């Protein structure tokens, strides 16, 4: 979740993945333990157009999950 915390533009969103491969919402800071609903948590790109390319998420990610490329105009 470091990448989520470092992004100030609300680009990323944490999601749970069920054993069937479906995404379910994950509430950060929720008091209830909802880990039984999903197998693992993954970071998803929820608002790609909010990204300004600062690459803060890529710099802090220990797994090197992010790549960046210029947006092409159509």
N, C-alpha and C. Protein backbone atom coordinates (compact mmCIF):
# COMPACT_ATOMS: atom_id res chain seq x y z
N UNK A 1 0.78 -1.21 0.00
CA UNK A 1 0.00 0.00 0.00
C UNK A 1 0.82 1.26 0.00
N UNK A 2 2.15 1.16 -0.07
CA UNK A 2 2.98 2.37 -0.08
C UNK A 2 2.65 3.23 -1.29
N UNK A 3 2.46 2.60 -2.44
CA UNK A 3 2.19 3.34 -3.67
C UNK A 3 0.87 4.11 -3.55
N UNK A 4 -0.12 3.50 -2.93
CA UNK A 4 -1.41 4.14 -2.73
C UNK A 4 -1.25 5.38 -1.85
N UNK A 5 -0.48 5.25 -0.79
CA UNK A 5 -0.29 6.35 0.15
C UNK A 5 0.51 7.50 -0.45
N UNK A 6 1.45 7.21 -1.33
CA UNK A 6 2.30 8.25 -1.88
C UNK A 6 1.62 9.02 -3.02
N UNK A 7 0.60 8.45 -3.63
CA UNK A 7 -0.10 9.11 -4.73
C UNK A 7 -1.13 10.09 -4.19
N UNK A 8 -0.94 11.35 -4.47
CA UNK A 8 -1.87 12.37 -4.01
C UNK A 8 -2.96 12.70 -5.01
N UNK A 9 -3.01 11.97 -6.10
CA UNK A 9 -3.95 12.28 -7.18
C UNK A 9 -5.08 11.26 -7.31
N UNK A 10 -5.18 10.33 -6.35
CA UNK A 10 -6.23 9.32 -6.32
C UNK A 10 -6.27 8.48 -7.60
N UNK A 11 -5.09 8.11 -8.10
CA UNK A 11 -4.99 7.28 -9.29
C UNK A 11 -5.22 5.81 -8.94
N UNK A 12 -4.71 5.39 -7.80
CA UNK A 12 -4.72 3.97 -7.43
C UNK A 12 -5.85 3.62 -6.47
N UNK A 13 -6.25 2.35 -6.49
CA UNK A 13 -7.27 1.85 -5.58
C UNK A 13 -6.94 0.42 -5.22
N UNK A 14 -7.04 0.08 -3.94
CA UNK A 14 -6.79 -1.27 -3.48
C UNK A 14 -8.03 -2.12 -3.72
N UNK A 15 -7.84 -3.32 -4.26
CA UNK A 15 -8.97 -4.22 -4.52
C UNK A 15 -8.60 -5.61 -4.05
N UNK A 16 -9.61 -6.36 -3.65
CA UNK A 16 -9.42 -7.76 -3.29
C UNK A 16 -9.75 -8.62 -4.50
N UNK A 17 -9.05 -9.75 -4.63
CA UNK A 17 -9.31 -10.69 -5.72
C UNK A 17 -9.78 -12.00 -5.11
N UNK A 18 -10.97 -12.45 -5.52
CA UNK A 18 -11.52 -13.71 -5.01
C UNK A 18 -10.82 -14.87 -5.69
N UNK A 19 -11.08 -16.08 -5.20
CA UNK A 19 -10.47 -17.26 -5.81
C UNK A 19 -11.00 -17.52 -7.23
N UNK A 20 -12.11 -16.86 -7.61
CA UNK A 20 -12.63 -16.95 -8.98
C UNK A 20 -12.05 -15.88 -9.89
N UNK A 21 -11.20 -14.99 -9.34
CA UNK A 21 -10.58 -13.94 -10.13
C UNK A 21 -11.39 -12.66 -10.22
N UNK A 22 -12.45 -12.54 -9.43
CA UNK A 22 -13.27 -11.35 -9.43
C UNK A 22 -12.72 -10.32 -8.45
N UNK A 23 -12.88 -9.03 -8.79
CA UNK A 23 -12.44 -7.96 -7.92
C UNK A 23 -13.56 -7.58 -6.96
N UNK A 24 -13.20 -7.33 -5.70
CA UNK A 24 -14.14 -6.86 -4.69
C UNK A 24 -13.52 -5.65 -4.01
N UNK A 25 -14.38 -4.74 -3.57
CA UNK A 25 -13.90 -3.51 -2.93
C UNK A 25 -13.26 -3.82 -1.59
N UNK A 26 -12.22 -3.07 -1.27
CA UNK A 26 -11.53 -3.18 0.01
C UNK A 26 -11.58 -1.81 0.67
N UNK A 27 -12.07 -1.76 1.89
CA UNK A 27 -12.11 -0.51 2.61
C UNK A 27 -10.86 -0.38 3.46
N UNK A 28 -10.07 0.64 3.18
CA UNK A 28 -8.86 0.87 3.97
C UNK A 28 -9.24 1.43 5.32
N UNK A 29 -8.63 0.89 6.35
CA UNK A 29 -8.88 1.37 7.70
C UNK A 29 -10.18 0.88 8.30
N UNK A 30 -10.85 -0.05 7.65
CA UNK A 30 -12.10 -0.57 8.20
C UNK A 30 -11.81 -1.38 9.45
N UNK A 31 -12.68 -1.28 10.42
CA UNK A 31 -12.50 -2.00 11.68
C UNK A 31 -12.75 -3.50 11.52
N UNK A 32 -13.64 -3.85 10.59
CA UNK A 32 -13.98 -5.26 10.40
C UNK A 32 -12.93 -5.94 9.53
N UNK A 33 -12.67 -7.19 9.81
CA UNK A 33 -11.71 -7.98 9.03
C UNK A 33 -12.47 -8.66 7.89
N UNK A 34 -12.28 -8.15 6.65
CA UNK A 34 -12.99 -8.70 5.51
C UNK A 34 -12.08 -9.58 4.65
N UNK A 35 -10.97 -10.04 5.21
CA UNK A 35 -10.02 -10.87 4.46
C UNK A 35 -10.64 -12.18 3.98
N UNK A 36 -11.73 -12.63 4.57
CA UNK A 36 -12.36 -13.87 4.15
C UNK A 36 -13.05 -13.77 2.80
N UNK A 37 -13.31 -12.54 2.34
CA UNK A 37 -14.01 -12.34 1.08
C UNK A 37 -13.10 -12.52 -0.13
N UNK A 38 -11.80 -12.44 0.04
CA UNK A 38 -10.88 -12.50 -1.09
C UNK A 38 -9.61 -13.25 -0.73
N UNK A 39 -8.92 -13.70 -1.77
CA UNK A 39 -7.68 -14.46 -1.61
C UNK A 39 -6.47 -13.56 -1.40
N UNK A 40 -6.43 -12.45 -2.12
CA UNK A 40 -5.30 -11.53 -2.01
C UNK A 40 -5.75 -10.12 -2.33
N UNK A 41 -4.92 -9.16 -2.01
CA UNK A 41 -5.17 -7.76 -2.33
C UNK A 41 -4.20 -7.32 -3.43
N UNK A 42 -4.71 -6.52 -4.36
CA UNK A 42 -3.88 -5.98 -5.44
C UNK A 42 -4.20 -4.50 -5.60
N UNK A 43 -3.24 -3.76 -6.13
CA UNK A 43 -3.46 -2.36 -6.42
C UNK A 43 -3.94 -2.25 -7.85
N UNK A 44 -4.98 -1.46 -8.07
CA UNK A 44 -5.52 -1.26 -9.41
C UNK A 44 -5.44 0.21 -9.77
N UNK A 45 -5.48 0.50 -11.05
CA UNK A 45 -5.50 1.88 -11.52
C UNK A 45 -6.96 2.27 -11.71
N UNK A 46 -7.45 3.11 -10.81
CA UNK A 46 -8.86 3.48 -10.81
C UNK A 46 -9.13 4.73 -11.63
N UNK A 47 -8.19 5.66 -11.64
CA UNK A 47 -8.38 6.95 -12.31
C UNK A 47 -7.12 7.31 -13.10
N UNK A 48 -6.91 6.62 -14.20
CA UNK A 48 -5.69 6.80 -14.99
C UNK A 48 -5.50 8.24 -15.48
N UNK A 49 -6.58 8.93 -15.77
CA UNK A 49 -6.47 10.30 -16.28
C UNK A 49 -5.99 11.28 -15.21
N UNK A 50 -6.02 10.89 -13.95
CA UNK A 50 -5.51 11.74 -12.87
C UNK A 50 -3.98 11.70 -12.79
N UNK A 51 -3.36 10.72 -13.41
CA UNK A 51 -1.92 10.55 -13.32
C UNK A 51 -1.19 11.66 -14.07
N UNK A 52 -0.21 12.28 -13.40
CA UNK A 52 0.60 13.32 -14.02
C UNK A 52 2.00 12.81 -14.36
N UNK A 53 2.27 11.54 -14.11
CA UNK A 53 3.55 10.94 -14.47
C UNK A 53 4.69 11.27 -13.53
N UNK A 54 4.40 11.58 -12.29
CA UNK A 54 5.46 11.91 -11.33
C UNK A 54 6.31 10.69 -10.97
N UNK A 55 5.76 9.49 -11.17
CA UNK A 55 6.42 8.22 -10.92
C UNK A 55 6.73 7.95 -9.46
N UNK A 56 6.05 8.63 -8.54
CA UNK A 56 6.26 8.39 -7.11
C UNK A 56 5.88 6.95 -6.75
N UNK A 57 4.82 6.43 -7.37
CA UNK A 57 4.39 5.06 -7.10
C UNK A 57 5.46 4.06 -7.52
N UNK A 58 6.07 4.30 -8.66
CA UNK A 58 7.11 3.40 -9.17
C UNK A 58 8.37 3.45 -8.31
N UNK A 59 8.68 4.64 -7.81
CA UNK A 59 9.89 4.80 -7.00
C UNK A 59 9.78 4.11 -5.65
N UNK A 60 8.58 4.04 -5.10
CA UNK A 60 8.42 3.47 -3.76
C UNK A 60 8.03 1.99 -3.77
N UNK A 61 7.62 1.47 -4.92
CA UNK A 61 7.15 0.08 -5.02
C UNK A 61 8.33 -0.89 -4.92
N UNK A 62 8.35 -1.75 -3.89
CA UNK A 62 9.47 -2.69 -3.76
C UNK A 62 9.43 -3.82 -4.79
N UNK A 63 8.26 -4.03 -5.41
CA UNK A 63 8.13 -5.09 -6.40
C UNK A 63 8.28 -4.59 -7.84
N UNK A 64 8.46 -3.29 -8.01
CA UNK A 64 8.63 -2.68 -9.34
C UNK A 64 7.47 -3.01 -10.26
N UNK A 65 6.26 -2.79 -9.78
CA UNK A 65 5.04 -3.13 -10.51
C UNK A 65 4.65 -2.11 -11.58
N UNK A 66 5.17 -0.92 -11.52
CA UNK A 66 4.69 0.16 -12.37
C UNK A 66 5.65 0.50 -13.50
N UNK A 67 5.07 0.81 -14.64
CA UNK A 67 5.80 1.38 -15.76
C UNK A 67 5.02 2.61 -16.22
N UNK A 68 5.71 3.53 -16.84
CA UNK A 68 5.07 4.75 -17.30
C UNK A 68 5.43 5.01 -18.76
N UNK A 69 4.48 5.56 -19.48
CA UNK A 69 4.69 5.91 -20.88
C UNK A 69 3.86 7.16 -21.18
N UNK A 70 4.32 7.96 -22.11
CA UNK A 70 3.55 9.16 -22.47
C UNK A 70 2.18 8.79 -23.02
N UNK A 71 1.19 9.60 -22.73
CA UNK A 71 -0.14 9.42 -23.25
C UNK A 71 -0.17 9.95 -24.67
N UNK A 72 -0.67 9.17 -25.60
CA UNK A 72 -0.73 9.61 -26.99
C UNK A 72 -2.03 10.36 -27.22
N UNK A 73 -1.95 11.48 -27.91
CA UNK A 73 -3.14 12.26 -28.24
C UNK A 73 -3.81 11.67 -29.47
N UNK A 74 -5.12 11.64 -29.43
CA UNK A 74 -5.86 11.11 -30.57
C UNK A 74 -6.57 12.18 -31.31
